[in-house]
Amino acid sequence: MSITPPPRPPQRRPAGNAPKRAVVQEVADLTPRMRRVTLRSDELVGVDPVSPDQRVKLVFPEGRVFGDDPTEMGRARRRRRTYTLLDLDAVTGTAAVDFVLHGTGLAGEWAAGVRPGDEVGIVGPVGRYEVDPDADLLVVTDETGLPAARAVLAELPAGRWARVHVEVADDAERQELASAADVELTWWPRGDAGPGEPMARVVDHLGDVGPDTKAWVAGEAAAVLAVRAHLLGTVGLPRAQVDAVAYWTLGRTEA
């Protein structure tokens, strides 16, 4: 009688800085303005997640796929944009990226027309943020930080508390944010306000923030700066307890 050996686990490998060719497996709309693209790459097999808010550089081809030139992805410096990489599976080599469909720019136009079989390059992932299982958490972000916020909240254990404020275009952009922790979630529809304005005004509605609370802030640069300044100056949180990242700047595109 022959015995089939169990499948061997994938060989672990560092993420590396060379672009990995990935193929689009699935496209799904989470909301009217948020589209999830599931990718797969043989070069992601054995690559472990590095943090819940891990980021990658996506390299976009001129057409739907890259050509036969093996240096094409490496040379496409001006066709790279930074995104959060979700659900990285080292066994299957799959991951997902959520795109805000704003209809303009390199990544926005690619996401608006993407379909299974298209290709994209991936550089990374990178990230250093770690969820503290012994601390309560304050999250302030906009839709660009929503994918990472979802991953951060998913790592919070039961018995912890999280207060979450999210700026979105309108009520149709609300999403479920699953967590074992006790989450108090407030959505801030933009309406006629400018991007980043509701997020910056969140500081007037934070209430009491405990001295041991950790904060995760991400979104438009000016709004992130305003929230960070409030938490450090008015609230008095130590710098080590505030993780604030500008994901984008109003009036500028990443290039």
C-alpha atoms as a PDB file:
ATOM      1  CA  MET A   1       0.000   0.000   0.000  1.00  0.00           C
ATOM      2  CA  SER A   2       1.430   3.364  -1.000  1.00  0.00           C
ATOM      3  CA  ILE A   3       1.222   6.297   1.354  1.00  0.00           C
ATOM      4  CA  THR A   4       0.871   9.787  -0.074  1.00  0.00           C
ATOM      5  CA  PRO A   5       3.185  12.151   1.796  1.00  0.00           C
ATOM      6  CA  PRO A   6       1.648  15.343   3.163  1.00  0.00           C
ATOM      7  CA  PRO A   7       2.134  18.449   1.013  1.00  0.00           C
ATOM      8  CA  ARG A   8       5.349  20.294   1.758  1.00  0.00           C
ATOM      9  CA  PRO A   9       4.926  23.819   3.127  1.00  0.00           C
ATOM     10  CA  PRO A  10       6.094  26.562   0.788  1.00  0.00           C
ATOM     11  CA  GLN A  11       9.708  27.598   1.178  1.00  0.00           C
ATOM     12  CA  ARG A  12       9.819  30.876   3.040  1.00  0.00           C
ATOM     13  CA  ARG A  13      11.398  33.694   1.133  1.00  0.00           C
ATOM     14  CA  PRO A  14      12.022  37.384   1.794  1.00  0.00           C
ATOM     15  CA  ALA A  15       9.740  39.818   0.005  1.00  0.00           C
ATOM     16  CA  GLY A  16      12.613  41.441  -1.897  1.00  0.00           C
ATOM     17  CA  ASN A  17      12.655  44.629  -3.957  1.00  0.00           C
ATOM     18  CA  ALA A  18      12.355  43.092  -7.420  1.00  0.00           C
ATOM     19  CA  PRO A  19       8.848  43.392  -8.944  1.00  0.00           C
ATOM     20  CA  LYS A  20       6.822  40.181  -8.869  1.00  0.00           C
ATOM     21  CA  ARG A  21       4.522  39.540 -11.808  1.00  0.00           C
ATOM     22  CA  ALA A  22       0.967  38.954 -10.576  1.00  0.00           C
ATOM     23  CA  VAL A  23      -2.179  38.009 -12.476  1.00  0.00           C
ATOM     24  CA  VAL A  24      -5.657  39.296 -11.632  1.00  0.00           C
ATOM     25  CA  GLN A  25      -7.868  36.408 -10.472  1.00  0.00           C
ATOM     26  CA  GLU A  26     -11.074  38.176  -9.471  1.00  0.00           C
ATOM     27  CA  VAL A  27     -12.658  41.639  -9.425  1.00  0.00           C
ATOM     28  CA  ALA A  28     -15.450  42.515  -6.990  1.00  0.00           C
ATOM     29  CA  ASP A  29     -17.098  45.795  -6.011  1.00  0.00           C
ATOM     30  CA  LEU A  30     -17.388  46.210  -2.239  1.00  0.00           C
ATOM     31  CA  THR A  31     -19.222  49.539  -2.532  1.00  0.00           C
ATOM     32  CA  PRO A  32     -20.001  51.891  -5.436  1.00  0.00           C
ATOM     33  CA  ARG A  33     -16.520  53.445  -5.054  1.00  0.00           C
ATOM     34  CA  MET A  34     -14.410  50.609  -3.624  1.00  0.00           C
ATOM     35  CA  ARG A  35     -13.232  47.728  -5.824  1.00  0.00           C
ATOM     36  CA  ARG A  36     -11.341  44.663  -4.605  1.00  0.00           C
ATOM     37  CA  VAL A  37      -8.855  43.046  -6.981  1.00  0.00           C
ATOM     38  CA  THR A  38      -7.582  39.583  -6.052  1.00  0.00           C
ATOM     39  CA  LEU A  39      -4.124  38.758  -7.391  1.00  0.00           C
ATOM     40  CA  ARG A  40      -1.951  35.675  -7.612  1.00  0.00           C
ATOM     41  CA  SER A  41       1.764  35.276  -8.168  1.00  0.00           C
ATOM     42  CA  ASP A  42       4.102  32.275  -7.943  1.00  0.00           C
ATOM     43  CA  GLU A  43       6.611  34.722  -6.455  1.00  0.00           C
ATOM     44  CA  LEU A  44       4.282  35.416  -3.514  1.00  0.00           C
ATOM     45  CA  VAL A  45       4.295  31.743  -2.497  1.00  0.00           C
ATOM     46  CA  GLY A  46       6.315  31.554   0.709  1.00  0.00           C
ATOM     47  CA  VAL A  47       6.146  35.320   1.350  1.00  0.00           C
ATOM     48  CA  ASP A  48       4.646  35.994   4.777  1.00  0.00           C
ATOM     49  CA  PRO A  49       2.684  39.107   5.805  1.00  0.00           C
ATOM     50  CA  VAL A  50       4.858  41.666   7.578  1.00  0.00           C
ATOM     51  CA  SER A  51       2.202  43.841   9.273  1.00  0.00           C
ATOM     52  CA  PRO A  52      -1.575  44.372   9.180  1.00  0.00           C
ATOM     53  CA  ASP A  53      -1.143  47.672   7.288  1.00  0.00           C
ATOM     54  CA  GLN A  54       1.559  46.312   4.968  1.00  0.00           C
ATOM     55  CA  ARG A  55       2.140  48.273   1.787  1.00  0.00           C
ATOM     56  CA  VAL A  56       3.342  47.390  -1.692  1.00  0.00           C
ATOM     57  CA  LYS A  57       4.313  49.295  -4.791  1.00  0.00           C
ATOM     58  CA  LEU A  58       2.089  48.252  -7.664  1.00  0.00           C
ATOM     59  CA  VAL A  59       3.686  48.498 -11.095  1.00  0.00           C
ATOM     60  CA  PHE A  60       1.186  48.984 -13.914  1.00  0.00           C
ATOM     61  CA  PRO A  61       1.882  47.821 -17.498  1.00  0.00           C
ATOM     62  CA  GLU A  62       1.306  50.029 -20.515  1.00  0.00           C
ATOM     63  CA  GLY A  63      -1.424  47.649 -21.663  1.00  0.00           C
ATOM     64  CA  ARG A  64      -3.199  44.819 -19.889  1.00  0.00           C
ATOM     65  CA  VAL A  65      -0.104  42.636 -19.514  1.00  0.00           C
ATOM     66  CA  PHE A  66       3.652  43.073 -19.486  1.00  0.00           C
ATOM     67  CA  GLY A  67       5.640  42.215 -22.579  1.00  0.00           C
ATOM     68  CA  ASP A  68       8.409  39.661 -22.965  1.00  0.00           C
ATOM     69  CA  ASP A  69      11.119  42.083 -21.843  1.00  0.00           C
ATOM     70  CA  PRO A  70      12.069  40.862 -18.317  1.00  0.00           C
ATOM     71  CA  THR A  71      13.296  44.355 -17.381  1.00  0.00           C
ATOM     72  CA  GLU A  72      10.010  46.122 -18.209  1.00  0.00           C
ATOM     73  CA  MET A  73       8.616  46.061 -14.660  1.00  0.00           C
ATOM     74  CA  GLY A  74      11.871  47.239 -13.145  1.00  0.00           C
ATOM     75  CA  ARG A  75      12.121  50.177 -15.562  1.00  0.00           C
ATOM     76  CA  ALA A  76       8.534  51.400 -15.034  1.00  0.00           C
ATOM     77  CA  ARG A  77       9.463  53.800 -12.216  1.00  0.00           C
ATOM     78  CA  ARG A  78       6.800  56.367 -13.065  1.00  0.00           C
ATOM     79  CA  ARG A  79       4.086  53.732 -13.292  1.00  0.00           C
ATOM     80  CA  ARG A  80       4.228  52.741  -9.610  1.00  0.00           C
ATOM     81  CA  ARG A  81       1.712  53.552  -6.895  1.00  0.00           C
ATOM     82  CA  THR A  82       1.538  52.531  -3.204  1.00  0.00           C
ATOM     83  CA  TYR A  83      -1.344  50.409  -1.876  1.00  0.00           C
ATOM     84  CA  THR A  84      -2.226  48.246   1.116  1.00  0.00           C
ATOM     85  CA  LEU A  85      -1.839  44.512   0.478  1.00  0.00           C
ATOM     86  CA  LEU A  86      -4.600  42.459   2.083  1.00  0.00           C
ATOM     87  CA  ASP A  87      -5.081  38.754   2.824  1.00  0.00           C
ATOM     88  CA  LEU A  88      -1.596  37.677   1.732  1.00  0.00           C
ATOM     89  CA  ASP A  89      -1.540  33.870   1.662  1.00  0.00           C
ATOM     90  CA  ALA A  90       1.954  32.378   1.586  1.00  0.00           C
ATOM     91  CA  VAL A  91       0.586  28.959   0.600  1.00  0.00           C
ATOM     92  CA  THR A  92      -1.471  29.957  -2.427  1.00  0.00           C
ATOM     93  CA  GLY A  93       0.458  33.103  -3.423  1.00  0.00           C
ATOM     94  CA  THR A  94      -2.741  35.157  -3.442  1.00  0.00           C
ATOM     95  CA  ALA A  95      -3.486  38.607  -2.033  1.00  0.00           C
ATOM     96  CA  ALA A  96      -5.973  41.414  -2.546  1.00  0.00           C
ATOM     97  CA  VAL A  97      -5.875  45.172  -3.089  1.00  0.00           C
ATOM     98  CA  ASP A  98      -8.815  47.526  -2.548  1.00  0.00           C
ATOM     99  CA  PHE A  99      -8.978  50.513  -4.920  1.00  0.00           C
ATOM    100  CA  VAL A 100     -10.948  53.713  -4.454  1.00  0.00           C
ATOM    101  CA  LEU A 101     -12.664  54.336  -7.799  1.00  0.00           C
ATOM    102  CA  HIS A 102     -12.158  58.049  -8.314  1.00  0.00           C
ATOM    103  CA  GLY A 103     -11.908  57.799 -12.095  1.00  0.00           C
ATOM    104  CA  THR A 104      -8.635  59.659 -12.564  1.00  0.00           C
ATOM    105  CA  GLY A 105      -4.942  58.904 -12.391  1.00  0.00           C
ATOM    106  CA  LEU A 106      -2.906  55.871 -13.334  1.00  0.00           C
ATOM    107  CA  ALA A 107      -4.155  53.484 -10.644  1.00  0.00           C
ATOM    108  CA  GLY A 108      -7.738  54.748 -10.720  1.00  0.00           C
ATOM    109  CA  GLU A 109      -8.055  54.274 -14.466  1.00  0.00           C
ATOM    110  CA  TRP A 110      -6.458  50.810 -14.257  1.00  0.00           C
ATOM    111  CA  ALA A 111      -8.823  49.741 -11.485  1.00  0.00           C
ATOM    112  CA  ALA A 112     -11.855  51.070 -13.357  1.00  0.00           C
ATOM    113  CA  GLY A 113     -11.132  48.828 -16.349  1.00  0.00           C
ATOM    114  CA  VAL A 114      -9.380  45.852 -14.759  1.00  0.00           C
ATOM    115  CA  ARG A 115     -10.504  42.309 -15.555  1.00  0.00           C
ATOM    116  CA  PRO A 116      -9.297  38.766 -14.762  1.00  0.00           C
ATOM    117  CA  GLY A 117      -6.140  37.894 -16.675  1.00  0.00           C
ATOM    118  CA  ASP A 118      -4.654  41.386 -16.465  1.00  0.00           C
ATOM    119  CA  GLU A 119      -1.205  41.712 -14.943  1.00  0.00           C
ATOM    120  CA  VAL A 120       0.403  44.010 -12.396  1.00  0.00           C
ATOM    121  CA  GLY A 121       3.817  44.066 -10.728  1.00  0.00           C
ATOM    122  CA  ILE A 122       4.209  43.927  -6.945  1.00  0.00           C
ATOM    123  CA  VAL A 123       7.193  45.290  -5.004  1.00  0.00           C
ATOM    124  CA  GLY A 124       7.178  44.406  -1.297  1.00  0.00           C
ATOM    125  CA  PRO A 125       5.374  44.061   1.053  1.00  0.00           C
ATOM    126  CA  VAL A 126       6.862  46.354   3.676  1.00  0.00           C
ATOM    127  CA  GLY A 127       5.527  47.508   7.037  1.00  0.00           C
ATOM    128  CA  ARG A 128       6.447  47.701  10.714  1.00  0.00           C
ATOM    129  CA  TYR A 129       3.182  48.422  12.538  1.00  0.00           C
ATOM    130  CA  GLU A 130       2.229  45.930  15.251  1.00  0.00           C
ATOM    131  CA  VAL A 131      -1.121  45.737  17.007  1.00  0.00           C
ATOM    132  CA  ASP A 132      -0.735  45.917  20.788  1.00  0.00           C
ATOM    133  CA  PRO A 133      -3.092  43.245  22.180  1.00  0.00           C
ATOM    134  CA  ASP A 134      -2.955  44.865  25.622  1.00  0.00           C
ATOM    135  CA  ALA A 135      -4.021  48.383  24.592  1.00  0.00           C
ATOM    136  CA  ASP A 136      -7.231  50.032  23.466  1.00  0.00           C
ATOM    137  CA  LEU A 137      -7.107  51.609  20.019  1.00  0.00           C
ATOM    138  CA  LEU A 138      -8.259  54.818  18.368  1.00  0.00           C
ATOM    139  CA  VAL A 139      -8.529  54.720  14.565  1.00  0.00           C
ATOM    140  CA  VAL A 140      -9.053  57.846  12.434  1.00  0.00           C
ATOM    141  CA  THR A 141      -8.894  57.500   8.660  1.00  0.00           C
ATOM    142  CA  ASP A 142     -10.556  58.099   5.301  1.00  0.00           C
ATOM    143  CA  GLU A 143     -11.444  55.610   2.577  1.00  0.00           C
ATOM    144  CA  THR A 144      -7.812  55.305   1.411  1.00  0.00           C
ATOM    145  CA  GLY A 145      -6.859  53.961   4.832  1.00  0.00           C
ATOM    146  CA  LEU A 146      -9.971  51.845   5.235  1.00  0.00           C
ATOM    147  CA  PRO A 147      -8.413  48.606   3.876  1.00  0.00           C
ATOM    148  CA  ALA A 148      -5.512  48.836   6.329  1.00  0.00           C
ATOM    149  CA  ALA A 149      -7.837  49.838   9.165  1.00  0.00           C
ATOM    150  CA  ARG A 150      -9.922  46.741   8.483  1.00  0.00           C
ATOM    151  CA  ALA A 151      -6.808  44.557   8.765  1.00  0.00           C
ATOM    152  CA  VAL A 152      -5.682  46.305  11.953  1.00  0.00           C
ATOM    153  CA  LEU A 153      -9.071  45.867  13.629  1.00  0.00           C
ATOM    154  CA  ALA A 154      -9.173  42.202  12.649  1.00  0.00           C
ATOM    155  CA  GLU A 155      -6.067  41.607  14.779  1.00  0.00           C
ATOM    156  CA  LEU A 156      -7.478  43.202  17.936  1.00  0.00           C
ATOM    157  CA  PRO A 157      -8.387  40.496  20.463  1.00  0.00           C
ATOM    158  CA  ALA A 158     -11.574  40.130  22.478  1.00  0.00           C
ATOM    159  CA  GLY A 159     -11.657  42.192  25.634  1.00  0.00           C
ATOM    160  CA  ARG A 160     -10.130  45.248  23.993  1.00  0.00           C
ATOM    161  CA  TRP A 161     -11.927  48.428  22.932  1.00  0.00           C
ATOM    162  CA  ALA A 162     -11.582  50.361  19.662  1.00  0.00           C
ATOM    163  CA  ARG A 163     -13.066  53.722  18.744  1.00  0.00           C
ATOM    164  CA  VAL A 164     -13.085  54.144  14.948  1.00  0.00           C
ATOM    165  CA  HIS A 165     -13.805  57.255  12.854  1.00  0.00           C
ATOM    166  CA  VAL A 166     -13.902  56.919   9.056  1.00  0.00           C
ATOM    167  CA  GLU A 167     -14.422  59.677   6.478  1.00  0.00           C
ATOM    168  CA  VAL A 168     -16.161  58.482   3.301  1.00  0.00           C
ATOM    169  CA  ALA A 169     -17.814  60.106   0.296  1.00  0.00           C
ATOM    170  CA  ASP A 170     -21.359  59.205   1.369  1.00  0.00           C
ATOM    171  CA  ASP A 171     -23.416  56.622   3.258  1.00  0.00           C
ATOM    172  CA  ALA A 172     -23.165  54.097   0.415  1.00  0.00           C
ATOM    173  CA  GLU A 173     -19.455  53.683   1.214  1.00  0.00           C
ATOM    174  CA  ARG A 174     -20.002  52.168   4.654  1.00  0.00           C
ATOM    175  CA  GLN A 175     -18.467  48.721   5.056  1.00  0.00           C
ATOM    176  CA  GLU A 176     -18.480  46.047   7.714  1.00  0.00           C
ATOM    177  CA  LEU A 177     -15.343  46.105   9.865  1.00  0.00           C
ATOM    178  CA  ALA A 178     -15.070  42.794  11.681  1.00  0.00           C
ATOM    179  CA  SER A 179     -13.185  42.554  14.966  1.00  0.00           C
ATOM    180  CA  ALA A 180     -13.201  40.457  18.117  1.00  0.00           C
ATOM    181  CA  ALA A 181     -12.768  43.691  20.048  1.00  0.00           C
ATOM    182  CA  ASP A 182     -15.581  45.974  21.175  1.00  0.00           C
ATOM    183  CA  VAL A 183     -15.724  48.511  18.307  1.00  0.00           C
ATOM    184  CA  GLU A 184     -17.487  51.877  18.412  1.00  0.00           C
ATOM    185  CA  LEU A 185     -17.671  52.901  14.741  1.00  0.00           C
ATOM    186  CA  THR A 186     -18.582  56.370  13.453  1.00  0.00           C
ATOM    187  CA  TRP A 187     -18.873  57.161   9.743  1.00  0.00           C
ATOM    188  CA  TRP A 188     -18.297  60.718   8.506  1.00  0.00           C
ATOM    189  CA  PRO A 189     -19.903  61.231   5.052  1.00  0.00           C
ATOM    190  CA  ARG A 190     -18.181  64.069   3.209  1.00  0.00           C
ATOM    191  CA  GLY A 191     -21.189  65.473   1.430  1.00  0.00           C
ATOM    192  CA  ASP A 192     -20.282  68.922   0.104  1.00  0.00           C
ATOM    193  CA  ALA A 193     -17.146  69.194   2.252  1.00  0.00           C
ATOM    194  CA  GLY A 194     -13.700  68.925   0.729  1.00  0.00           C
ATOM    195  CA  PRO A 195     -11.613  65.747   1.021  1.00  0.00           C
ATOM    196  CA  GLY A 196     -10.006  65.536   4.444  1.00  0.00           C
ATOM    197  CA  GLU A 197     -12.234  68.161   6.075  1.00  0.00           C
ATOM    198  CA  PRO A 198     -14.491  65.773   8.055  1.00  0.00           C
ATOM    199  CA  MET A 199     -11.449  63.769   9.156  1.00  0.00           C
ATOM    200  CA  ALA A 200      -9.715  66.902  10.436  1.00  0.00           C
ATOM    201  CA  ARG A 201     -12.862  67.871  12.362  1.00  0.00           C
ATOM    202  CA  VAL A 202     -12.988  64.510  14.132  1.00  0.00           C
ATOM    203  CA  VAL A 203     -10.730  66.001  16.826  1.00  0.00           C
ATOM    204  CA  ASP A 204     -13.757  67.911  18.153  1.00  0.00           C
ATOM    205  CA  HIS A 205     -15.642  64.645  18.729  1.00  0.00           C
ATOM    206  CA  LEU A 206     -13.067  62.320  20.236  1.00  0.00           C
ATOM    207  CA  GLY A 207     -14.184  62.784  23.806  1.00  0.00           C
ATOM    208  CA  ASP A 208     -11.960  61.311  26.461  1.00  0.00           C
ATOM    209  CA  VAL A 209      -8.952  59.393  25.170  1.00  0.00           C
ATOM    210  CA  GLY A 210      -7.265  57.362  27.888  1.00  0.00           C
ATOM    211  CA  PRO A 211      -3.546  57.916  28.502  1.00  0.00           C
ATOM    212  CA  ASP A 212      -2.742  54.315  27.561  1.00  0.00           C
ATOM    213  CA  THR A 213      -4.690  54.358  24.285  1.00  0.00           C
ATOM    214  CA  LYS A 214      -2.800  53.651  21.068  1.00  0.00           C
ATOM    215  CA  ALA A 215      -3.789  55.602  17.931  1.00  0.00           C
ATOM    216  CA  TRP A 216      -3.621  54.639  14.257  1.00  0.00           C
ATOM    217  CA  VAL A 217      -4.223  57.549  11.847  1.00  0.00           C
ATOM    218  CA  ALA A 218      -4.038  57.475   8.040  1.00  0.00           C
ATOM    219  CA  GLY A 219      -5.441  59.476   5.124  1.00  0.00           C
ATOM    220  CA  GLU A 220      -4.998  62.887   3.523  1.00  0.00           C
ATOM    221  CA  ALA A 221      -1.781  64.570   4.692  1.00  0.00           C
ATOM    222  CA  ALA A 222      -3.239  67.782   6.168  1.00  0.00           C
ATOM    223  CA  ALA A 223      -5.990  65.869   7.985  1.00  0.00           C
ATOM    224  CA  VAL A 224      -3.489  63.363   9.385  1.00  0.00           C
ATOM    225  CA  LEU A 225      -1.314  66.242  10.615  1.00  0.00           C
ATOM    226  CA  ALA A 226      -4.292  67.891  12.345  1.00  0.00           C
ATOM    227  CA  VAL A 227      -5.340  64.702  14.127  1.00  0.00           C
ATOM    228  CA  ARG A 228      -1.769  63.868  15.122  1.00  0.00           C
ATOM    229  CA  ALA A 229      -1.198  67.373  16.508  1.00  0.00           C
ATOM    230  CA  HIS A 230      -4.375  67.117  18.581  1.00  0.00           C
ATOM    231  CA  LEU A 231      -3.458  63.722  20.016  1.00  0.00           C
ATOM    232  CA  LEU A 232       0.083  64.776  20.891  1.00  0.00           C
ATOM    233  CA  GLY A 233      -0.616  68.336  22.010  1.00  0.00           C
ATOM    234  CA  THR A 234      -4.153  68.534  23.401  1.00  0.00           C
ATOM    235  CA  VAL A 235      -4.623  64.928  24.518  1.00  0.00           C
ATOM    236  CA  GLY A 236      -0.991  64.495  25.513  1.00  0.00           C
ATOM    237  CA  LEU A 237      -0.387  61.015  24.160  1.00  0.00           C
ATOM    238  CA  PRO A 238       3.299  60.035  23.903  1.00  0.00           C
ATOM    239  CA  ARG A 239       4.674  59.969  20.354  1.00  0.00           C
ATOM    240  CA  ALA A 240       5.286  56.236  20.613  1.00  0.00           C
ATOM    241  CA  GLN A 241       1.533  55.688  21.013  1.00  0.00           C
ATOM    242  CA  VAL A 242       0.524  57.574  17.834  1.00  0.00           C
ATOM    243  CA  ASP A 243       1.105  55.932  14.445  1.00  0.00           C
ATOM    244  CA  ALA A 244       0.178  58.533  11.806  1.00  0.00           C
ATOM    245  CA  VAL A 245       0.759  58.079   8.062  1.00  0.00           C
ATOM    246  CA  ALA A 246      -0.137  60.404   5.186  1.00  0.00           C
ATOM    247  CA  TYR A 247      -1.491  58.167   2.428  1.00  0.00           C
ATOM    248  CA  TRP A 248      -2.047  61.013  -0.027  1.00  0.00           C
ATOM    249  CA  THR A 249      -1.844  64.798  -0.387  1.00  0.00           C
ATOM    250  CA  LEU A 250      -4.668  66.920  -1.776  1.00  0.00           C
ATOM    251  CA  GLY A 251      -3.681  68.372  -5.148  1.00  0.00           C
ATOM    252  CA  ARG A 252      -0.777  65.977  -5.708  1.00  0.00           C
ATOM    253  CA  THR A 253      -0.430  62.563  -7.329  1.00  0.00           C
ATOM    254  CA  GLU A 254       2.139  59.926  -6.469  1.00  0.00           C
ATOM    255  CA  ALA A 255       4.711  59.509  -9.227  1.00  0.00           C
END
